[in-house]
C-alpha atoms as a PDB file:
ATOM      1  CA  UNK A   1     -68.755 -59.449 250.935  1.00  0.00           C
ATOM      2  CA  UNK A   2     -66.643 -56.743 252.528  1.00  0.00           C
ATOM      3  CA  UNK A   3     -63.564 -58.895 252.035  1.00  0.00           C
ATOM      4  CA  UNK A   4     -63.965 -58.682 248.248  1.00  0.00           C
ATOM      5  CA  UNK A   5     -63.880 -54.900 248.320  1.00  0.00           C
ATOM      6  CA  UNK A   6     -60.997 -54.942 250.809  1.00  0.00           C
ATOM      7  CA  UNK A   7     -59.109 -57.257 248.456  1.00  0.00           C
ATOM      8  CA  UNK A   8     -59.674 -54.834 245.563  1.00  0.00           C
ATOM      9  CA  UNK A   9     -58.417 -51.857 247.572  1.00  0.00           C
ATOM     10  CA  UNK A  10     -55.370 -53.848 248.716  1.00  0.00           C
ATOM     11  CA  UNK A  11     -54.512 -54.851 245.141  1.00  0.00           C
ATOM     12  CA  UNK A  12     -54.891 -51.288 243.861  1.00  0.00           C
ATOM     13  CA  UNK A  13     -52.712 -49.971 246.703  1.00  0.00           C
ATOM     14  CA  UNK A  14     -50.081 -52.631 245.977  1.00  0.00           C
ATOM     15  CA  UNK A  15     -50.064 -51.648 242.301  1.00  0.00           C
ATOM     16  CA  UNK A  16     -49.530 -47.992 243.186  1.00  0.00           C
ATOM     17  CA  UNK A  17     -46.604 -48.843 245.475  1.00  0.00           C
ATOM     18  CA  UNK A  18     -45.139 -51.205 242.884  1.00  0.00           C
ATOM     19  CA  UNK A  19     -45.258 -48.532 240.168  1.00  0.00           C
ATOM     20  CA  UNK A  20     -43.529 -45.971 242.403  1.00  0.00           C
ATOM     21  CA  UNK A  21     -40.817 -48.499 243.221  1.00  0.00           C
ATOM     22  CA  UNK A  22     -40.490 -49.415 239.526  1.00  0.00           C
ATOM     23  CA  UNK A  23     -40.002 -45.810 238.420  1.00  0.00           C
ATOM     24  CA  UNK A  24     -37.657 -45.109 241.330  1.00  0.00           C
ATOM     25  CA  UNK A  25     -35.351 -48.083 240.774  1.00  0.00           C
ATOM     26  CA  UNK A  26     -35.327 -47.925 236.977  1.00  0.00           C
ATOM     27  CA  UNK A  27     -34.911 -44.145 237.049  1.00  0.00           C
ATOM     28  CA  UNK A  28     -31.983 -44.423 239.444  1.00  0.00           C
ATOM     29  CA  UNK A  29     -30.294 -47.088 237.325  1.00  0.00           C
ATOM     30  CA  UNK A  30     -30.866 -45.076 234.138  1.00  0.00           C
ATOM     31  CA  UNK A  31     -29.539 -41.921 235.778  1.00  0.00           C
ATOM     32  CA  UNK A  32     -26.429 -43.705 237.022  1.00  0.00           C
ATOM     33  CA  UNK A  33     -25.878 -45.123 233.525  1.00  0.00           C
ATOM     34  CA  UNK A  34     -26.128 -41.615 232.067  1.00  0.00           C
ATOM     35  CA  UNK A  35     -23.711 -40.216 234.643  1.00  0.00           C
ATOM     36  CA  UNK A  36     -21.261 -43.052 233.986  1.00  0.00           C
ATOM     37  CA  UNK A  37     -21.389 -42.630 230.211  1.00  0.00           C
ATOM     38  CA  UNK A  38     -21.058 -38.832 230.354  1.00  0.00           C
ATOM     39  CA  UNK A  39     -18.425 -38.625 233.099  1.00  0.00           C
ATOM     40  CA  UNK A  40     -16.592 -41.865 232.250  1.00  0.00           C
ATOM     41  CA  UNK A  41     -16.548 -43.102 235.839  1.00  0.00           C
ATOM     42  CA  UNK A  42     -15.919 -46.719 234.858  1.00  0.00           C
ATOM     43  CA  UNK A  43     -18.979 -48.243 236.521  1.00  0.00           C
ATOM     44  CA  UNK A  44     -19.481 -50.574 233.556  1.00  0.00           C
ATOM     45  CA  UNK A  45     -22.486 -48.932 231.927  1.00  0.00           C
ATOM     46  CA  UNK A  46     -22.651 -48.379 228.187  1.00  0.00           C
ATOM     47  CA  UNK A  47     -24.663 -45.900 226.119  1.00  0.00           C
ATOM     48  CA  UNK A  48     -27.170 -48.617 225.166  1.00  0.00           C
ATOM     49  CA  UNK A  49     -28.001 -49.049 228.869  1.00  0.00           C
ATOM     50  CA  UNK A  50     -29.479 -45.537 228.900  1.00  0.00           C
ATOM     51  CA  UNK A  51     -31.803 -46.439 226.024  1.00  0.00           C
ATOM     52  CA  UNK A  52     -32.795 -49.662 227.759  1.00  0.00           C
ATOM     53  CA  UNK A  53     -33.618 -47.772 230.939  1.00  0.00           C
ATOM     54  CA  UNK A  54     -35.685 -45.192 229.078  1.00  0.00           C
ATOM     55  CA  UNK A  55     -37.553 -48.014 227.332  1.00  0.00           C
ATOM     56  CA  UNK A  56     -38.298 -49.643 230.692  1.00  0.00           C
ATOM     57  CA  UNK A  57     -39.596 -46.320 232.032  1.00  0.00           C
ATOM     58  CA  UNK A  58     -41.811 -45.877 228.953  1.00  0.00           C
ATOM     59  CA  UNK A  59     -43.212 -49.408 229.223  1.00  0.00           C
ATOM     60  CA  UNK A  60     -43.882 -48.842 232.918  1.00  0.00           C
ATOM     61  CA  UNK A  61     -45.762 -45.683 231.991  1.00  0.00           C
ATOM     62  CA  UNK A  62     -47.841 -47.625 229.488  1.00  0.00           C
ATOM     63  CA  UNK A  63     -48.699 -50.178 232.174  1.00  0.00           C
ATOM     64  CA  UNK A  64     -50.485 -47.576 234.317  1.00  0.00           C
ATOM     65  CA  UNK A  65     -53.514 -47.146 231.997  1.00  0.00           C
ATOM     66  CA  UNK A  66     -53.672 -50.907 231.451  1.00  0.00           C
ATOM     67  CA  UNK A  67     -53.785 -51.510 235.211  1.00  0.00           C
ATOM     68  CA  UNK A  68     -56.419 -48.787 235.592  1.00  0.00           C
ATOM     69  CA  UNK A  69     -58.641 -50.413 232.936  1.00  0.00           C
ATOM     70  CA  UNK A  70     -58.282 -53.821 234.599  1.00  0.00           C
ATOM     71  CA  UNK A  71     -59.125 -52.307 237.989  1.00  0.00           C
ATOM     72  CA  UNK A  72     -62.187 -50.569 236.547  1.00  0.00           C
ATOM     73  CA  UNK A  73     -63.403 -53.801 234.966  1.00  0.00           C
ATOM     74  CA  UNK A  74     -62.929 -55.780 238.179  1.00  0.00           C
ATOM     75  CA  UNK A  75     -64.772 -53.148 240.222  1.00  0.00           C
ATOM     76  CA  UNK A  76     -67.636 -53.076 237.689  1.00  0.00           C
ATOM     77  CA  UNK A  77     -67.950 -56.858 237.668  1.00  0.00           C
ATOM     78  CA  UNK A  78     -67.836 -57.032 241.458  1.00  0.00           C
ATOM     79  CA  UNK A  79     -70.490 -54.328 241.823  1.00  0.00           C
ATOM     80  CA  UNK A  80     -72.619 -56.103 239.225  1.00  0.00           C
ATOM     81  CA  UNK A  81     -72.446 -59.396 241.125  1.00  0.00           C
ATOM     82  CA  UNK A  82     -72.411 -58.252 244.778  1.00  0.00           C
ATOM     83  CA  UNK A  83     -73.882 -54.750 244.615  1.00  0.00           C
ATOM     84  CA  UNK A  84     -72.318 -51.574 245.997  1.00  0.00           C
ATOM     85  CA  UNK A  85     -69.796 -51.752 248.777  1.00  0.00           C
ATOM     86  CA  UNK A  86     -71.473 -51.860 252.184  1.00  0.00           C
ATOM     87  CA  UNK A  87     -71.337 -48.537 253.982  1.00  0.00           C
ATOM     88  CA  UNK A  88     -71.389 -46.389 250.830  1.00  0.00           C
ATOM     89  CA  UNK A  89     -74.215 -44.227 249.513  1.00  0.00           C
ATOM     90  CA  UNK A  90     -74.157 -45.773 246.031  1.00  0.00           C
ATOM     91  CA  UNK A  91     -77.478 -47.035 244.737  1.00  0.00           C
END
């Protein structure tokens, strides 16, 4: 039974790391597109790339509450089936 709760914690931790990486990479690409468009450095970015990057950041931000709701549902279902996590004071 402990492995189920461990699996949940691992998945939630992975999601947190994935979201940080997502915002970091997409933010860096969007920032470099903005710098290229403003300064004309010739990196190959266009103005529409900035909008695409901002859209990807916004959609990533919308994914956070969705992931939180899914996590809450999974935890509730698991607690309903298997009871509270062993070693906790939940009743």
